[in-house]
Amino acid sequence: MMTRRFNVFVYVLMVVPFMAIQSFAELPVDVFSVQQRWAEVNYQLQGEARESAYEELIAQADQVTARHPDSAPAWIWSGIIKSSFAGVKGGLGALGFAKDAKRDLERAIALDADAMQGAAHTSLGVLYMNVPGWPVAFGDKDKARELLMHALTLAPQDIDANYFMAEYYLKEKEYAQARHYLELAKNAPARPGRDVADMGRHGEIDQQLLQLNKQ
């Protein structure tokens, strides 16, 4: 995992994005801004431009949580951005950002466990699913499944909750279950104001289904 520069983060977390079916009116303006910028950076930039943009976005997210310390969505998006950057950065440095993301997502859950339809549970589950286990980091597939399943109880039609549940079953080589959740993700309702993120996610779903057909 360490020598592969945490490519699993690139494949899974660059992601995230993300889970909320929330409009501009339902989020503070600056939280909405980092949400939208995340989709642009994640799906429309590459290489050094993406890495530089993520560094700027992390600084912006930290400013947002400082302004809204009691806002669960602010902490959720801070966690999502940092976990995504872990995949771009790779190497040992990725672990630091993964741990920071974990802290932010746990803060969001403590503030409002149901915020953004349980997005913090989904994002935290993805981290537990993909980071190395002890003694290197906190990875734990049983904890990952628990978190991902809980997210689905909160948002059974959510595109991201279903997509990452499928990822879990793909890793476990439970292909029938993986296909089931990919199909649910594919048919999930569109998220208002999330066109870029939805388009990117559907591309990932189609790629996973194509690979699954080769199994």
C-alpha atoms as a PDB file:
ATOM      1  CA  MET A   1       0.000   0.000   0.000  1.00  0.00           C
ATOM      2  CA  MET A   2       2.748   2.429   0.967  1.00  0.00           C
ATOM      3  CA  THR A   3       4.791   1.777  -2.171  1.00  0.00           C
ATOM      4  CA  ARG A   4       1.769   2.234  -4.413  1.00  0.00           C
ATOM      5  CA  ARG A   5       1.449   5.821  -3.151  1.00  0.00           C
ATOM      6  CA  PHE A   6      -2.027   5.235  -1.842  1.00  0.00           C
ATOM      7  CA  ASN A   7      -3.520   4.893  -5.324  1.00  0.00           C
ATOM      8  CA  VAL A   8      -6.558   3.446  -3.621  1.00  0.00           C
ATOM      9  CA  PHE A   9      -7.354   6.946  -2.412  1.00  0.00           C
ATOM     10  CA  VAL A  10      -7.230   8.228  -5.976  1.00  0.00           C
ATOM     11  CA  TYR A  11      -9.576   5.485  -7.142  1.00  0.00           C
ATOM     12  CA  VAL A  12     -12.034   5.679  -4.292  1.00  0.00           C
ATOM     13  CA  LEU A  13     -11.872   8.932  -2.432  1.00  0.00           C
ATOM     14  CA  MET A  14     -11.344  11.439  -5.186  1.00  0.00           C
ATOM     15  CA  VAL A  15     -14.254  11.288  -4.888  1.00  0.00           C
ATOM     16  CA  VAL A  16     -16.681  12.195  -2.639  1.00  0.00           C
ATOM     17  CA  PRO A  17     -17.939  13.553  -2.928  1.00  0.00           C
ATOM     18  CA  PHE A  18     -20.647  14.120  -2.386  1.00  0.00           C
ATOM     19  CA  MET A  19     -23.467  12.572  -0.463  1.00  0.00           C
ATOM     20  CA  ALA A  20     -25.812  15.446   0.247  1.00  0.00           C
ATOM     21  CA  ILE A  21     -28.866  16.277  -1.794  1.00  0.00           C
ATOM     22  CA  GLN A  22     -28.636  19.856  -0.609  1.00  0.00           C
ATOM     23  CA  SER A  23     -29.085  23.112  -2.421  1.00  0.00           C
ATOM     24  CA  PHE A  24     -27.307  26.415  -2.193  1.00  0.00           C
ATOM     25  CA  ALA A  25     -29.991  27.712   0.162  1.00  0.00           C
ATOM     26  CA  GLU A  26     -29.446  24.902   2.657  1.00  0.00           C
ATOM     27  CA  LEU A  27     -25.701  25.443   3.142  1.00  0.00           C
ATOM     28  CA  PRO A  28     -23.749  28.482   4.310  1.00  0.00           C
ATOM     29  CA  VAL A  29     -22.404  30.262   1.243  1.00  0.00           C
ATOM     30  CA  ASP A  30     -18.761  29.465   2.022  1.00  0.00           C
ATOM     31  CA  VAL A  31     -19.536  25.776   2.670  1.00  0.00           C
ATOM     32  CA  PHE A  32     -21.376  25.623  -0.641  1.00  0.00           C
ATOM     33  CA  SER A  33     -18.344  27.251  -2.278  1.00  0.00           C
ATOM     34  CA  VAL A  34     -15.890  24.571  -1.105  1.00  0.00           C
ATOM     35  CA  GLN A  35     -18.385  21.862  -2.082  1.00  0.00           C
ATOM     36  CA  GLN A  36     -18.553  23.183  -5.633  1.00  0.00           C
ATOM     37  CA  ARG A  37     -14.825  23.806  -5.867  1.00  0.00           C
ATOM     38  CA  TRP A  38     -14.115  20.246  -4.704  1.00  0.00           C
ATOM     39  CA  ALA A  39     -16.012  18.854  -7.706  1.00  0.00           C
ATOM     40  CA  GLU A  40     -14.104  21.100 -10.101  1.00  0.00           C
ATOM     41  CA  VAL A  41     -10.710  20.211  -8.637  1.00  0.00           C
ATOM     42  CA  ASN A  42     -11.498  16.520  -8.367  1.00  0.00           C
ATOM     43  CA  TYR A  43     -12.997  15.909 -11.769  1.00  0.00           C
ATOM     44  CA  GLN A  44     -11.689  18.670 -14.018  1.00  0.00           C
ATOM     45  CA  LEU A  45      -8.024  19.144 -13.041  1.00  0.00           C
ATOM     46  CA  GLN A  46      -5.024  16.847 -13.378  1.00  0.00           C
ATOM     47  CA  GLY A  47      -1.410  16.599 -12.258  1.00  0.00           C
ATOM     48  CA  GLU A  48       0.316  19.514 -10.559  1.00  0.00           C
ATOM     49  CA  ALA A  49      -2.642  21.800 -11.166  1.00  0.00           C
ATOM     50  CA  ARG A  50      -4.880  19.484  -9.162  1.00  0.00           C
ATOM     51  CA  GLU A  51      -2.378  19.133  -6.313  1.00  0.00           C
ATOM     52  CA  SER A  52      -1.896  22.891  -6.059  1.00  0.00           C
ATOM     53  CA  ALA A  53      -5.646  23.472  -6.152  1.00  0.00           C
ATOM     54  CA  TYR A  54      -6.199  20.938  -3.375  1.00  0.00           C
ATOM     55  CA  GLU A  55      -3.634  22.674  -1.174  1.00  0.00           C
ATOM     56  CA  GLU A  56      -5.502  25.944  -1.642  1.00  0.00           C
ATOM     57  CA  LEU A  57      -8.834  24.237  -1.032  1.00  0.00           C
ATOM     58  CA  ILE A  58      -7.640  22.686   2.233  1.00  0.00           C
ATOM     59  CA  ALA A  59      -6.632  26.131   3.473  1.00  0.00           C
ATOM     60  CA  GLN A  60     -10.037  27.440   2.420  1.00  0.00           C
ATOM     61  CA  ALA A  61     -11.819  24.562   4.181  1.00  0.00           C
ATOM     62  CA  ASP A  62      -9.874  25.254   7.373  1.00  0.00           C
ATOM     63  CA  GLN A  63     -11.030  28.865   7.231  1.00  0.00           C
ATOM     64  CA  VAL A  64     -14.613  27.704   6.768  1.00  0.00           C
ATOM     65  CA  THR A  65     -14.534  25.422   9.816  1.00  0.00           C
ATOM     66  CA  ALA A  66     -12.986  28.255  11.829  1.00  0.00           C
ATOM     67  CA  ARG A  67     -15.937  30.462  10.860  1.00  0.00           C
ATOM     68  CA  HIS A  68     -18.500  27.688  11.405  1.00  0.00           C
ATOM     69  CA  PRO A  69     -17.134  25.504  14.211  1.00  0.00           C
ATOM     70  CA  ASP A  70     -20.610  24.166  15.003  1.00  0.00           C
ATOM     71  CA  SER A  71     -21.527  23.328  11.405  1.00  0.00           C
ATOM     72  CA  ALA A  72     -21.453  19.602  10.658  1.00  0.00           C
ATOM     73  CA  PRO A  73     -21.475  20.179   6.857  1.00  0.00           C
ATOM     74  CA  ALA A  74     -18.408  22.410   7.178  1.00  0.00           C
ATOM     75  CA  TRP A  75     -16.502  19.632   8.969  1.00  0.00           C
ATOM     76  CA  ILE A  76     -17.796  17.007   6.533  1.00  0.00           C
ATOM     77  CA  TRP A  77     -16.462  18.920   3.561  1.00  0.00           C
ATOM     78  CA  SER A  78     -13.175  19.580   5.297  1.00  0.00           C
ATOM     79  CA  GLY A  79     -12.841  15.819   5.818  1.00  0.00           C
ATOM     80  CA  ILE A  80     -13.798  15.008   2.249  1.00  0.00           C
ATOM     81  CA  ILE A  81     -11.286  17.471   0.826  1.00  0.00           C
ATOM     82  CA  LYS A  82      -8.432  16.220   3.009  1.00  0.00           C
ATOM     83  CA  SER A  83      -9.153  12.566   2.255  1.00  0.00           C
ATOM     84  CA  SER A  84      -9.251  13.335  -1.449  1.00  0.00           C
ATOM     85  CA  PHE A  85      -5.928  15.158  -1.252  1.00  0.00           C
ATOM     86  CA  ALA A  86      -4.401  12.125   0.431  1.00  0.00           C
ATOM     87  CA  GLY A  87      -4.878  10.281  -2.851  1.00  0.00           C
ATOM     88  CA  VAL A  88      -3.289  13.042  -4.862  1.00  0.00           C
ATOM     89  CA  LYS A  89      -0.323  13.456  -2.536  1.00  0.00           C
ATOM     90  CA  GLY A  90       0.472   9.766  -1.936  1.00  0.00           C
ATOM     91  CA  GLY A  91       3.266   8.316   0.157  1.00  0.00           C
ATOM     92  CA  LEU A  92       3.688   8.784   3.885  1.00  0.00           C
ATOM     93  CA  GLY A  93       2.246  12.277   3.664  1.00  0.00           C
ATOM     94  CA  ALA A  94      -1.102  10.776   2.703  1.00  0.00           C
ATOM     95  CA  LEU A  95      -1.488   9.230   6.146  1.00  0.00           C
ATOM     96  CA  GLY A  96      -1.376  12.594   7.835  1.00  0.00           C
ATOM     97  CA  PHE A  97      -4.183  13.927   5.679  1.00  0.00           C
ATOM     98  CA  ALA A  98      -6.191  10.720   6.153  1.00  0.00           C
ATOM     99  CA  LYS A  99      -5.907  11.114   9.919  1.00  0.00           C
ATOM    100  CA  ASP A 100      -6.893  14.771   9.689  1.00  0.00           C
ATOM    101  CA  ALA A 101      -9.898  13.778   7.592  1.00  0.00           C
ATOM    102  CA  LYS A 102     -10.900  11.174  10.171  1.00  0.00           C
ATOM    103  CA  ARG A 103     -10.751  13.789  12.925  1.00  0.00           C
ATOM    104  CA  ASP A 104     -12.915  16.229  10.932  1.00  0.00           C
ATOM    105  CA  LEU A 105     -15.514  13.596  10.062  1.00  0.00           C
ATOM    106  CA  GLU A 106     -15.732  12.428  13.661  1.00  0.00           C
ATOM    107  CA  ARG A 107     -16.241  16.053  14.696  1.00  0.00           C
ATOM    108  CA  ALA A 108     -19.116  16.301  12.200  1.00  0.00           C
ATOM    109  CA  ILE A 109     -20.756  13.153  13.572  1.00  0.00           C
ATOM    110  CA  ALA A 110     -20.467  14.487  17.112  1.00  0.00           C
ATOM    111  CA  LEU A 111     -22.214  17.696  16.030  1.00  0.00           C
ATOM    112  CA  ASP A 112     -24.952  16.110  13.910  1.00  0.00           C
ATOM    113  CA  ALA A 113     -24.726  12.434  12.992  1.00  0.00           C
ATOM    114  CA  ASP A 114     -27.476  12.763  10.372  1.00  0.00           C
ATOM    115  CA  ALA A 115     -26.097  15.839   8.589  1.00  0.00           C
ATOM    116  CA  MET A 116     -25.994  15.686   4.810  1.00  0.00           C
ATOM    117  CA  GLN A 117     -27.925  12.406   4.922  1.00  0.00           C
ATOM    118  CA  GLY A 118     -25.169  10.671   6.854  1.00  0.00           C
ATOM    119  CA  ALA A 119     -22.343  11.750   4.543  1.00  0.00           C
ATOM    120  CA  ALA A 120     -19.831  11.705   7.395  1.00  0.00           C
ATOM    121  CA  HIS A 121     -20.531   8.010   7.989  1.00  0.00           C
ATOM    122  CA  THR A 122     -19.992   7.205   4.321  1.00  0.00           C
ATOM    123  CA  SER A 123     -16.767   9.207   4.102  1.00  0.00           C
ATOM    124  CA  LEU A 124     -15.416   7.786   7.340  1.00  0.00           C
ATOM    125  CA  GLY A 125     -16.313   4.282   6.204  1.00  0.00           C
ATOM    126  CA  VAL A 126     -14.323   4.808   3.018  1.00  0.00           C
ATOM    127  CA  LEU A 127     -11.304   5.844   5.062  1.00  0.00           C
ATOM    128  CA  TYR A 128     -11.540   2.771   7.293  1.00  0.00           C
ATOM    129  CA  MET A 129     -11.929   0.631   4.180  1.00  0.00           C
ATOM    130  CA  ASN A 130      -8.830   1.916   2.405  1.00  0.00           C
ATOM    131  CA  VAL A 131      -6.117   3.089   4.762  1.00  0.00           C
ATOM    132  CA  PRO A 132      -3.632   0.539   6.096  1.00  0.00           C
ATOM    133  CA  GLY A 133      -4.481  -1.202   9.341  1.00  0.00           C
ATOM    134  CA  TRP A 134      -2.571  -1.224  12.618  1.00  0.00           C
ATOM    135  CA  PRO A 135       0.262  -0.493  13.283  1.00  0.00           C
ATOM    136  CA  VAL A 136       0.560   1.820  10.265  1.00  0.00           C
ATOM    137  CA  ALA A 137      -2.859   3.453  10.483  1.00  0.00           C
ATOM    138  CA  PHE A 138      -6.472   2.878  11.517  1.00  0.00           C
ATOM    139  CA  GLY A 139      -7.840   0.772   8.667  1.00  0.00           C
ATOM    140  CA  ASP A 140     -10.521  -1.724   9.731  1.00  0.00           C
ATOM    141  CA  LYS A 141     -12.846  -3.430   7.227  1.00  0.00           C
ATOM    142  CA  ASP A 142     -15.395  -4.404   9.879  1.00  0.00           C
ATOM    143  CA  LYS A 143     -15.666  -0.812  11.066  1.00  0.00           C
ATOM    144  CA  ALA A 144     -15.878   0.282   7.437  1.00  0.00           C
ATOM    145  CA  ARG A 145     -18.847  -1.988   6.779  1.00  0.00           C
ATOM    146  CA  GLU A 146     -20.594  -0.815   9.937  1.00  0.00           C
ATOM    147  CA  LEU A 147     -20.258   2.838   8.923  1.00  0.00           C
ATOM    148  CA  LEU A 148     -21.255   2.276   5.293  1.00  0.00           C
ATOM    149  CA  MET A 149     -24.315   0.268   6.265  1.00  0.00           C
ATOM    150  CA  HIS A 150     -25.356   2.933   8.746  1.00  0.00           C
ATOM    151  CA  ALA A 151     -25.069   5.573   6.022  1.00  0.00           C
ATOM    152  CA  LEU A 152     -27.409   3.517   3.847  1.00  0.00           C
ATOM    153  CA  THR A 153     -30.009   3.383   6.600  1.00  0.00           C
ATOM    154  CA  LEU A 154     -29.977   7.188   6.579  1.00  0.00           C
ATOM    155  CA  ALA A 155     -29.955   7.609   2.782  1.00  0.00           C
ATOM    156  CA  PRO A 156     -30.883   4.364   1.008  1.00  0.00           C
ATOM    157  CA  GLN A 157     -31.116   6.055  -2.417  1.00  0.00           C
ATOM    158  CA  ASP A 158     -27.954   8.130  -2.164  1.00  0.00           C
ATOM    159  CA  ILE A 159     -25.577   7.689  -5.087  1.00  0.00           C
ATOM    160  CA  ASP A 160     -22.407   7.838  -3.013  1.00  0.00           C
ATOM    161  CA  ALA A 161     -23.603   5.670  -0.129  1.00  0.00           C
ATOM    162  CA  ASN A 162     -24.523   2.938  -2.611  1.00  0.00           C
ATOM    163  CA  TYR A 163     -21.378   3.365  -4.686  1.00  0.00           C
ATOM    164  CA  PHE A 164     -19.057   2.939  -1.745  1.00  0.00           C
ATOM    165  CA  MET A 165     -21.047   0.019  -0.371  1.00  0.00           C
ATOM    166  CA  ALA A 166     -20.430  -1.583  -3.759  1.00  0.00           C
ATOM    167  CA  GLU A 167     -16.718  -0.808  -3.415  1.00  0.00           C
ATOM    168  CA  TYR A 168     -16.682  -2.609  -0.096  1.00  0.00           C
ATOM    169  CA  TYR A 169     -18.228  -5.740  -1.595  1.00  0.00           C
ATOM    170  CA  LEU A 170     -15.900  -5.601  -4.584  1.00  0.00           C
ATOM    171  CA  LYS A 171     -12.953  -5.700  -2.222  1.00  0.00           C
ATOM    172  CA  GLU A 172     -14.541  -8.669  -0.483  1.00  0.00           C
ATOM    173  CA  LYS A 173     -15.101 -10.348  -3.879  1.00  0.00           C
ATOM    174  CA  GLU A 174     -18.835 -10.532  -3.200  1.00  0.00           C
ATOM    175  CA  TYR A 175     -19.714  -9.621  -6.751  1.00  0.00           C
ATOM    176  CA  ALA A 176     -23.481 -10.122  -6.662  1.00  0.00           C
ATOM    177  CA  GLN A 177     -23.765  -7.693  -3.756  1.00  0.00           C
ATOM    178  CA  ALA A 178     -21.419  -5.258  -5.471  1.00  0.00           C
ATOM    179  CA  ARG A 179     -23.535  -5.287  -8.634  1.00  0.00           C
ATOM    180  CA  HIS A 180     -26.689  -4.726  -6.596  1.00  0.00           C
ATOM    181  CA  TYR A 181     -25.347  -1.564  -5.011  1.00  0.00           C
ATOM    182  CA  LEU A 182     -23.795  -0.293  -8.232  1.00  0.00           C
ATOM    183  CA  GLU A 183     -27.170  -0.571  -9.941  1.00  0.00           C
ATOM    184  CA  LEU A 184     -28.781   1.314  -7.074  1.00  0.00           C
ATOM    185  CA  ALA A 185     -26.128   4.007  -7.403  1.00  0.00           C
ATOM    186  CA  LYS A 186     -26.619   4.201 -11.163  1.00  0.00           C
ATOM    187  CA  ASN A 187     -30.326   4.793 -10.708  1.00  0.00           C
ATOM    188  CA  ALA A 188     -30.033   7.231  -7.815  1.00  0.00           C
ATOM    189  CA  PRO A 189     -31.843  10.555  -8.173  1.00  0.00           C
ATOM    190  CA  ALA A 190     -29.835  13.516  -9.412  1.00  0.00           C
ATOM    191  CA  ARG A 191     -28.540  15.917  -6.776  1.00  0.00           C
ATOM    192  CA  PRO A 192     -29.585  19.551  -7.275  1.00  0.00           C
ATOM    193  CA  GLY A 193     -26.593  21.754  -7.936  1.00  0.00           C
ATOM    194  CA  ARG A 194     -24.215  18.776  -8.098  1.00  0.00           C
ATOM    195  CA  ASP A 195     -24.000  18.297 -11.866  1.00  0.00           C
ATOM    196  CA  VAL A 196     -20.200  18.037 -12.030  1.00  0.00           C
ATOM    197  CA  ALA A 197     -20.005  15.605  -9.111  1.00  0.00           C
ATOM    198  CA  ASP A 198     -22.875  13.493 -10.437  1.00  0.00           C
ATOM    199  CA  MET A 199     -21.333  13.247 -13.890  1.00  0.00           C
ATOM    200  CA  GLY A 200     -18.003  12.187 -12.402  1.00  0.00           C
ATOM    201  CA  ARG A 201     -19.604   9.621 -10.125  1.00  0.00           C
ATOM    202  CA  HIS A 202     -21.641   8.093 -12.955  1.00  0.00           C
ATOM    203  CA  GLY A 203     -18.458   7.692 -14.949  1.00  0.00           C
ATOM    204  CA  GLU A 204     -16.946   5.761 -12.047  1.00  0.00           C
ATOM    205  CA  ILE A 205     -20.066   3.623 -11.683  1.00  0.00           C
ATOM    206  CA  ASP A 206     -19.992   2.719 -15.379  1.00  0.00           C
ATOM    207  CA  GLN A 207     -16.307   1.820 -15.130  1.00  0.00           C
ATOM    208  CA  GLN A 208     -16.948  -0.429 -12.142  1.00  0.00           C
ATOM    209  CA  LEU A 209     -19.838  -2.177 -13.856  1.00  0.00           C
ATOM    210  CA  LEU A 210     -17.695  -2.735 -16.938  1.00  0.00           C
ATOM    211  CA  GLN A 211     -14.943  -4.294 -14.843  1.00  0.00           C
ATOM    212  CA  LEU A 212     -17.479  -6.331 -12.901  1.00  0.00           C
ATOM    213  CA  ASN A 213     -18.782  -7.790 -16.154  1.00  0.00           C
ATOM    214  CA  LYS A 214     -15.295  -9.196 -16.762  1.00  0.00           C
ATOM    215  CA  GLN A 215     -15.262 -11.128 -13.495  1.00  0.00           C
END
